[in-house]
Amino acid sequence: MSLIPGFELGLWNAWILFLLIFLYIIVTVKIFKNDVGKKIAHGEEERKYSMSVALFFFILLIYSIFLPLRLGTIFFYAGLSIYLLGLIVCTIAIANVAATPLGRPFTRGVYHYSRNPLSLGMLLIFLGIGVASASWLYLLLSAMIMIIAHFMVLVEERSCLNKFGDSYREYMNKTPRWIGIPKSGKGE
């Protein structure tokens, strides 16, 4: 792995994996645009963090155009596996959101194992691209996105506590923020 691998334009650069993310987002928005949009509220502080994430996302997109994937190496296969796992987690999370009735918190499916599976899935996607391209700089920029996303998650959780009260507090006590084994709820 190198901090900044050689820049070159090519078909098999990291942008190809980014293209799949854009297609994934477009299809997800088209399928669930009415349902998901109504279920997710955005406050001013959350918008500020979202804009910061979008800026780093754009930087990663530009960088990925010139960042060759390390085809045929262990880095590529490991990164591709991590990337695909991230896509699967995001797909299941979106399906769980769509299946949740309006006005209810998301607590079923992958939300049983993580309060933030979409953020976790995106972390895996970015990590996978960084490993597949063997770029420390890409991984560093991805880490910046996840640090900002963490603060956005804190704002979302406060908002959910205000909206759903004790039922959400109970969910928070049973379910880890990022990933893990759900607590039994006994003795809490």
C-alpha atoms as a PDB file:
ATOM      1  CA  MET A   1       0.000   0.000   0.000  1.00  0.00           C
ATOM      2  CA  SER A   2       1.168   3.505  -0.666  1.00  0.00           C
ATOM      3  CA  LEU A   3       0.115   6.885   0.617  1.00  0.00           C
ATOM      4  CA  ILE A   4      -0.493   8.263  -2.865  1.00  0.00           C
ATOM      5  CA  PRO A   5      -0.322   5.655  -5.634  1.00  0.00           C
ATOM      6  CA  GLY A   6       0.509   6.688  -9.182  1.00  0.00           C
ATOM      7  CA  PHE A   7      -2.209   8.713 -10.862  1.00  0.00           C
ATOM      8  CA  GLU A   8      -3.455   7.450 -14.196  1.00  0.00           C
ATOM      9  CA  LEU A   9      -6.660   7.494 -16.174  1.00  0.00           C
ATOM     10  CA  GLY A  10      -8.025   4.083 -16.990  1.00  0.00           C
ATOM     11  CA  LEU A  11     -11.039   1.871 -17.225  1.00  0.00           C
ATOM     12  CA  TRP A  12     -10.106  -0.139 -14.132  1.00  0.00           C
ATOM     13  CA  ASN A  13      -9.712   2.746 -11.729  1.00  0.00           C
ATOM     14  CA  ALA A  14     -11.603   3.184  -8.463  1.00  0.00           C
ATOM     15  CA  TRP A  15     -14.232   5.338 -10.236  1.00  0.00           C
ATOM     16  CA  ILE A  16     -15.833   2.139 -11.529  1.00  0.00           C
ATOM     17  CA  LEU A  17     -16.750   1.175  -7.958  1.00  0.00           C
ATOM     18  CA  PHE A  18     -17.979   4.725  -7.354  1.00  0.00           C
ATOM     19  CA  LEU A  19     -20.188   4.386 -10.431  1.00  0.00           C
ATOM     20  CA  LEU A  20     -21.824   1.397  -8.789  1.00  0.00           C
ATOM     21  CA  ILE A  21     -22.488   3.508  -5.661  1.00  0.00           C
ATOM     22  CA  PHE A  22     -24.195   6.191  -7.791  1.00  0.00           C
ATOM     23  CA  LEU A  23     -26.296   3.583  -9.587  1.00  0.00           C
ATOM     24  CA  TYR A  24     -27.179   2.061  -6.228  1.00  0.00           C
ATOM     25  CA  ILE A  25     -28.244   5.452  -4.833  1.00  0.00           C
ATOM     26  CA  ILE A  26     -30.304   6.305  -7.941  1.00  0.00           C
ATOM     27  CA  VAL A  27     -32.121   2.952  -7.920  1.00  0.00           C
ATOM     28  CA  THR A  28     -32.737   3.183  -4.159  1.00  0.00           C
ATOM     29  CA  VAL A  29     -34.152   6.707  -4.438  1.00  0.00           C
ATOM     30  CA  LYS A  30     -36.376   5.719  -7.382  1.00  0.00           C
ATOM     31  CA  ILE A  31     -37.751   2.650  -5.623  1.00  0.00           C
ATOM     32  CA  PHE A  32     -38.280   4.195  -2.205  1.00  0.00           C
ATOM     33  CA  LYS A  33     -38.431   7.937  -2.943  1.00  0.00           C
ATOM     34  CA  ASN A  34     -41.829   8.521  -1.362  1.00  0.00           C
ATOM     35  CA  ASP A  35     -41.534   6.134   1.576  1.00  0.00           C
ATOM     36  CA  VAL A  36     -37.959   6.785   2.685  1.00  0.00           C
ATOM     37  CA  GLY A  37     -38.138  10.548   2.166  1.00  0.00           C
ATOM     38  CA  LYS A  38     -41.112  10.807   4.516  1.00  0.00           C
ATOM     39  CA  LYS A  39     -39.447   8.668   7.171  1.00  0.00           C
ATOM     40  CA  ILE A  40     -36.165  10.558   7.438  1.00  0.00           C
ATOM     41  CA  ALA A  41     -36.284  14.106   8.791  1.00  0.00           C
ATOM     42  CA  HIS A  42     -33.322  16.466   8.526  1.00  0.00           C
ATOM     43  CA  GLY A  43     -32.612  19.299  10.951  1.00  0.00           C
ATOM     44  CA  GLU A  44     -30.247  22.230  10.432  1.00  0.00           C
ATOM     45  CA  GLU A  45     -27.319  20.667  12.307  1.00  0.00           C
ATOM     46  CA  GLU A  46     -27.758  17.410  10.398  1.00  0.00           C
ATOM     47  CA  ARG A  47     -27.750  19.309   7.093  1.00  0.00           C
ATOM     48  CA  LYS A  48     -24.420  20.920   8.041  1.00  0.00           C
ATOM     49  CA  TYR A  49     -22.860  17.504   8.636  1.00  0.00           C
ATOM     50  CA  SER A  50     -24.471  16.140   5.458  1.00  0.00           C
ATOM     51  CA  MET A  51     -22.863  18.928   3.423  1.00  0.00           C
ATOM     52  CA  SER A  52     -19.457  18.117   4.954  1.00  0.00           C
ATOM     53  CA  VAL A  53     -19.889  14.440   4.102  1.00  0.00           C
ATOM     54  CA  ALA A  54     -20.930  15.419   0.566  1.00  0.00           C
ATOM     55  CA  LEU A  55     -17.759  17.511   0.176  1.00  0.00           C
ATOM     56  CA  PHE A  56     -15.501  14.600   1.168  1.00  0.00           C
ATOM     57  CA  PHE A  57     -17.592  12.282  -1.005  1.00  0.00           C
ATOM     58  CA  PHE A  58     -16.933  14.608  -3.966  1.00  0.00           C
ATOM     59  CA  ILE A  59     -13.201  14.704  -3.191  1.00  0.00           C
ATOM     60  CA  LEU A  60     -13.130  10.897  -3.099  1.00  0.00           C
ATOM     61  CA  LEU A  61     -15.018  10.769  -6.401  1.00  0.00           C
ATOM     62  CA  ILE A  62     -12.481  13.036  -8.115  1.00  0.00           C
ATOM     63  CA  TYR A  63      -9.582  11.122  -6.572  1.00  0.00           C
ATOM     64  CA  SER A  64     -11.102   7.787  -7.665  1.00  0.00           C
ATOM     65  CA  ILE A  65     -11.036   8.860 -11.334  1.00  0.00           C
ATOM     66  CA  PHE A  66      -7.220   8.830 -11.234  1.00  0.00           C
ATOM     67  CA  LEU A  67      -6.751   5.979  -8.735  1.00  0.00           C
ATOM     68  CA  PRO A  68      -6.013   2.596 -10.329  1.00  0.00           C
ATOM     69  CA  LEU A  69      -7.392  -0.546  -8.736  1.00  0.00           C
ATOM     70  CA  ARG A  70      -4.708  -3.099  -7.913  1.00  0.00           C
ATOM     71  CA  LEU A  71      -6.204  -5.876 -10.072  1.00  0.00           C
ATOM     72  CA  GLY A  72      -4.980  -9.398  -9.407  1.00  0.00           C
ATOM     73  CA  THR A  73      -3.525  -8.567  -5.995  1.00  0.00           C
ATOM     74  CA  ILE A  74      -4.652  -9.624  -2.554  1.00  0.00           C
ATOM     75  CA  PHE A  75      -5.527  -5.960  -1.928  1.00  0.00           C
ATOM     76  CA  PHE A  76      -8.005  -5.994  -4.808  1.00  0.00           C
ATOM     77  CA  TYR A  77      -9.769  -9.201  -3.774  1.00  0.00           C
ATOM     78  CA  ALA A  78      -9.905  -8.248  -0.093  1.00  0.00           C
ATOM     79  CA  GLY A  79     -11.148  -4.743  -0.960  1.00  0.00           C
ATOM     80  CA  LEU A  80     -13.765  -6.052  -3.379  1.00  0.00           C
ATOM     81  CA  SER A  81     -15.072  -8.440  -0.700  1.00  0.00           C
ATOM     82  CA  ILE A  82     -15.348  -5.614   1.847  1.00  0.00           C
ATOM     83  CA  TYR A  83     -17.004  -3.364  -0.768  1.00  0.00           C
ATOM     84  CA  LEU A  84     -19.620  -6.018  -1.654  1.00  0.00           C
ATOM     85  CA  LEU A  85     -20.358  -6.630   2.036  1.00  0.00           C
ATOM     86  CA  GLY A  86     -20.979  -2.881   2.412  1.00  0.00           C
ATOM     87  CA  LEU A  87     -23.396  -2.894  -0.543  1.00  0.00           C
ATOM     88  CA  ILE A  88     -25.283  -5.818   0.982  1.00  0.00           C
ATOM     89  CA  VAL A  89     -25.561  -4.113   4.389  1.00  0.00           C
ATOM     90  CA  CYS A  90     -26.823  -0.879   2.762  1.00  0.00           C
ATOM     91  CA  THR A  91     -29.357  -2.750   0.617  1.00  0.00           C
ATOM     92  CA  ILE A  92     -30.779  -4.634   3.591  1.00  0.00           C
ATOM     93  CA  ALA A  93     -30.885  -1.428   5.675  1.00  0.00           C
ATOM     94  CA  ILE A  94     -32.813   0.442   2.958  1.00  0.00           C
ATOM     95  CA  ALA A  95     -35.274  -2.459   2.694  1.00  0.00           C
ATOM     96  CA  ASN A  96     -35.711  -2.360   6.500  1.00  0.00           C
ATOM     97  CA  VAL A  97     -36.376   1.395   6.377  1.00  0.00           C
ATOM     98  CA  ALA A  98     -38.935   0.926   3.611  1.00  0.00           C
ATOM     99  CA  ALA A  99     -40.705  -1.813   5.592  1.00  0.00           C
ATOM    100  CA  THR A 100     -41.014   0.351   8.721  1.00  0.00           C
ATOM    101  CA  PRO A 101     -44.393   2.069   9.146  1.00  0.00           C
ATOM    102  CA  LEU A 102     -44.404   5.873   9.074  1.00  0.00           C
ATOM    103  CA  GLY A 103     -43.833   7.493  12.454  1.00  0.00           C
ATOM    104  CA  ARG A 104     -41.966   4.494  13.897  1.00  0.00           C
ATOM    105  CA  PRO A 105     -38.227   4.152  14.556  1.00  0.00           C
ATOM    106  CA  PHE A 106     -36.220   1.686  12.484  1.00  0.00           C
ATOM    107  CA  THR A 107     -35.501  -1.237  14.815  1.00  0.00           C
ATOM    108  CA  ARG A 108     -35.905  -4.418  12.762  1.00  0.00           C
ATOM    109  CA  GLY A 109     -33.583  -6.354  10.464  1.00  0.00           C
ATOM    110  CA  VAL A 110     -30.009  -5.044  10.482  1.00  0.00           C
ATOM    111  CA  TYR A 111     -31.203  -2.245  12.774  1.00  0.00           C
ATOM    112  CA  HIS A 112     -31.400  -4.976  15.430  1.00  0.00           C
ATOM    113  CA  TYR A 113     -27.595  -5.302  15.286  1.00  0.00           C
ATOM    114  CA  SER A 114     -26.640  -1.687  14.657  1.00  0.00           C
ATOM    115  CA  ARG A 115     -28.485   1.588  15.160  1.00  0.00           C
ATOM    116  CA  ASN A 116     -26.673   2.936  12.084  1.00  0.00           C
ATOM    117  CA  PRO A 117     -26.298   0.197   9.467  1.00  0.00           C
ATOM    118  CA  LEU A 118     -26.358   2.642   6.542  1.00  0.00           C
ATOM    119  CA  SER A 119     -23.338   4.490   7.925  1.00  0.00           C
ATOM    120  CA  LEU A 120     -21.680   1.166   8.666  1.00  0.00           C
ATOM    121  CA  GLY A 121     -22.376  -0.048   5.118  1.00  0.00           C
ATOM    122  CA  MET A 122     -20.924   3.131   3.621  1.00  0.00           C
ATOM    123  CA  LEU A 123     -17.831   2.742   5.821  1.00  0.00           C
ATOM    124  CA  LEU A 124     -17.379  -0.773   4.436  1.00  0.00           C
ATOM    125  CA  ILE A 125     -17.852   0.487   0.870  1.00  0.00           C
ATOM    126  CA  PHE A 126     -15.250   3.235   1.248  1.00  0.00           C
ATOM    127  CA  LEU A 127     -12.886   0.919   3.120  1.00  0.00           C
ATOM    128  CA  GLY A 128     -13.275  -1.661   0.351  1.00  0.00           C
ATOM    129  CA  ILE A 129     -12.426   0.855  -2.370  1.00  0.00           C
ATOM    130  CA  GLY A 130      -9.409   2.080  -0.383  1.00  0.00           C
ATOM    131  CA  VAL A 131      -8.088  -1.442   0.101  1.00  0.00           C
ATOM    132  CA  ALA A 132      -8.813  -2.485  -3.525  1.00  0.00           C
ATOM    133  CA  SER A 133      -6.798   0.506  -4.743  1.00  0.00           C
ATOM    134  CA  ALA A 134      -4.153   0.083  -2.001  1.00  0.00           C
ATOM    135  CA  SER A 135      -4.249   3.794  -1.142  1.00  0.00           C
ATOM    136  CA  TRP A 136      -3.648   5.087   2.375  1.00  0.00           C
ATOM    137  CA  LEU A 137      -4.800   8.554   1.286  1.00  0.00           C
ATOM    138  CA  TYR A 138      -8.142   7.171   0.140  1.00  0.00           C
ATOM    139  CA  LEU A 139      -8.536   5.387   3.475  1.00  0.00           C
ATOM    140  CA  LEU A 140      -7.639   8.599   5.341  1.00  0.00           C
ATOM    141  CA  LEU A 141     -10.250  10.608   3.408  1.00  0.00           C
ATOM    142  CA  SER A 142     -12.782   7.841   4.041  1.00  0.00           C
ATOM    143  CA  ALA A 143     -11.995   8.032   7.761  1.00  0.00           C
ATOM    144  CA  MET A 144     -12.743  11.776   7.656  1.00  0.00           C
ATOM    145  CA  ILE A 145     -16.181  11.027   6.189  1.00  0.00           C
ATOM    146  CA  MET A 146     -16.874   8.527   8.941  1.00  0.00           C
ATOM    147  CA  ILE A 147     -15.766  10.922  11.699  1.00  0.00           C
ATOM    148  CA  ILE A 148     -18.200  13.534  10.378  1.00  0.00           C
ATOM    149  CA  ALA A 149     -20.869  10.850   9.975  1.00  0.00           C
ATOM    150  CA  HIS A 150     -20.382   9.887  13.623  1.00  0.00           C
ATOM    151  CA  PHE A 151     -21.272  13.422  14.726  1.00  0.00           C
ATOM    152  CA  MET A 152     -24.265  13.365  12.366  1.00  0.00           C
ATOM    153  CA  VAL A 153     -25.372  10.091  13.993  1.00  0.00           C
ATOM    154  CA  LEU A 154     -25.231  11.724  17.436  1.00  0.00           C
ATOM    155  CA  VAL A 155     -27.564  14.481  16.192  1.00  0.00           C
ATOM    156  CA  GLU A 156     -29.927  11.912  14.649  1.00  0.00           C
ATOM    157  CA  GLU A 157     -30.046   9.930  17.883  1.00  0.00           C
ATOM    158  CA  ARG A 158     -30.894  13.049  19.910  1.00  0.00           C
ATOM    159  CA  SER A 159     -33.651  13.787  17.412  1.00  0.00           C
ATOM    160  CA  CYS A 160     -35.006  10.250  17.692  1.00  0.00           C
ATOM    161  CA  LEU A 161     -34.942  10.455  21.492  1.00  0.00           C
ATOM    162  CA  ASN A 162     -36.985  13.670  21.329  1.00  0.00           C
ATOM    163  CA  LYS A 163     -39.422  12.174  18.845  1.00  0.00           C
ATOM    164  CA  PHE A 164     -39.845   8.627  20.191  1.00  0.00           C
ATOM    165  CA  GLY A 165     -38.946   9.050  23.876  1.00  0.00           C
ATOM    166  CA  ASP A 166     -38.543   6.044  26.140  1.00  0.00           C
ATOM    167  CA  SER A 167     -39.151   3.460  23.405  1.00  0.00           C
ATOM    168  CA  TYR A 168     -36.109   4.778  21.521  1.00  0.00           C
ATOM    169  CA  ARG A 169     -34.067   4.981  24.742  1.00  0.00           C
ATOM    170  CA  GLU A 170     -34.876   1.296  25.348  1.00  0.00           C
ATOM    171  CA  TYR A 171     -33.813   0.504  21.766  1.00  0.00           C
ATOM    172  CA  MET A 172     -30.540   2.413  22.335  1.00  0.00           C
ATOM    173  CA  ASN A 173     -29.895   0.399  25.506  1.00  0.00           C
ATOM    174  CA  LYS A 174     -30.418  -2.889  23.639  1.00  0.00           C
ATOM    175  CA  THR A 175     -28.675  -2.123  20.343  1.00  0.00           C
ATOM    176  CA  PRO A 176     -25.071  -1.038  19.806  1.00  0.00           C
ATOM    177  CA  ARG A 177     -24.482   2.186  17.868  1.00  0.00           C
ATOM    178  CA  TRP A 178     -22.284   0.604  15.208  1.00  0.00           C
ATOM    179  CA  ILE A 179     -22.302  -3.177  15.298  1.00  0.00           C
ATOM    180  CA  GLY A 180     -22.397  -5.998  17.762  1.00  0.00           C
ATOM    181  CA  ILE A 181     -24.550  -8.515  19.481  1.00  0.00           C
ATOM    182  CA  PRO A 182     -27.833  -7.048  20.728  1.00  0.00           C
ATOM    183  CA  LYS A 183     -28.184  -7.038  24.492  1.00  0.00           C
ATOM    184  CA  SER A 184     -30.872  -9.259  25.919  1.00  0.00           C
ATOM    185  CA  GLY A 185     -32.649  -6.397  27.656  1.00  0.00           C
ATOM    186  CA  LYS A 186     -32.794  -8.403  30.911  1.00  0.00           C
ATOM    187  CA  GLY A 187     -31.658  -6.632  34.031  1.00  0.00           C
ATOM    188  CA  GLU A 188     -31.513  -3.215  32.425  1.00  0.00           C
END
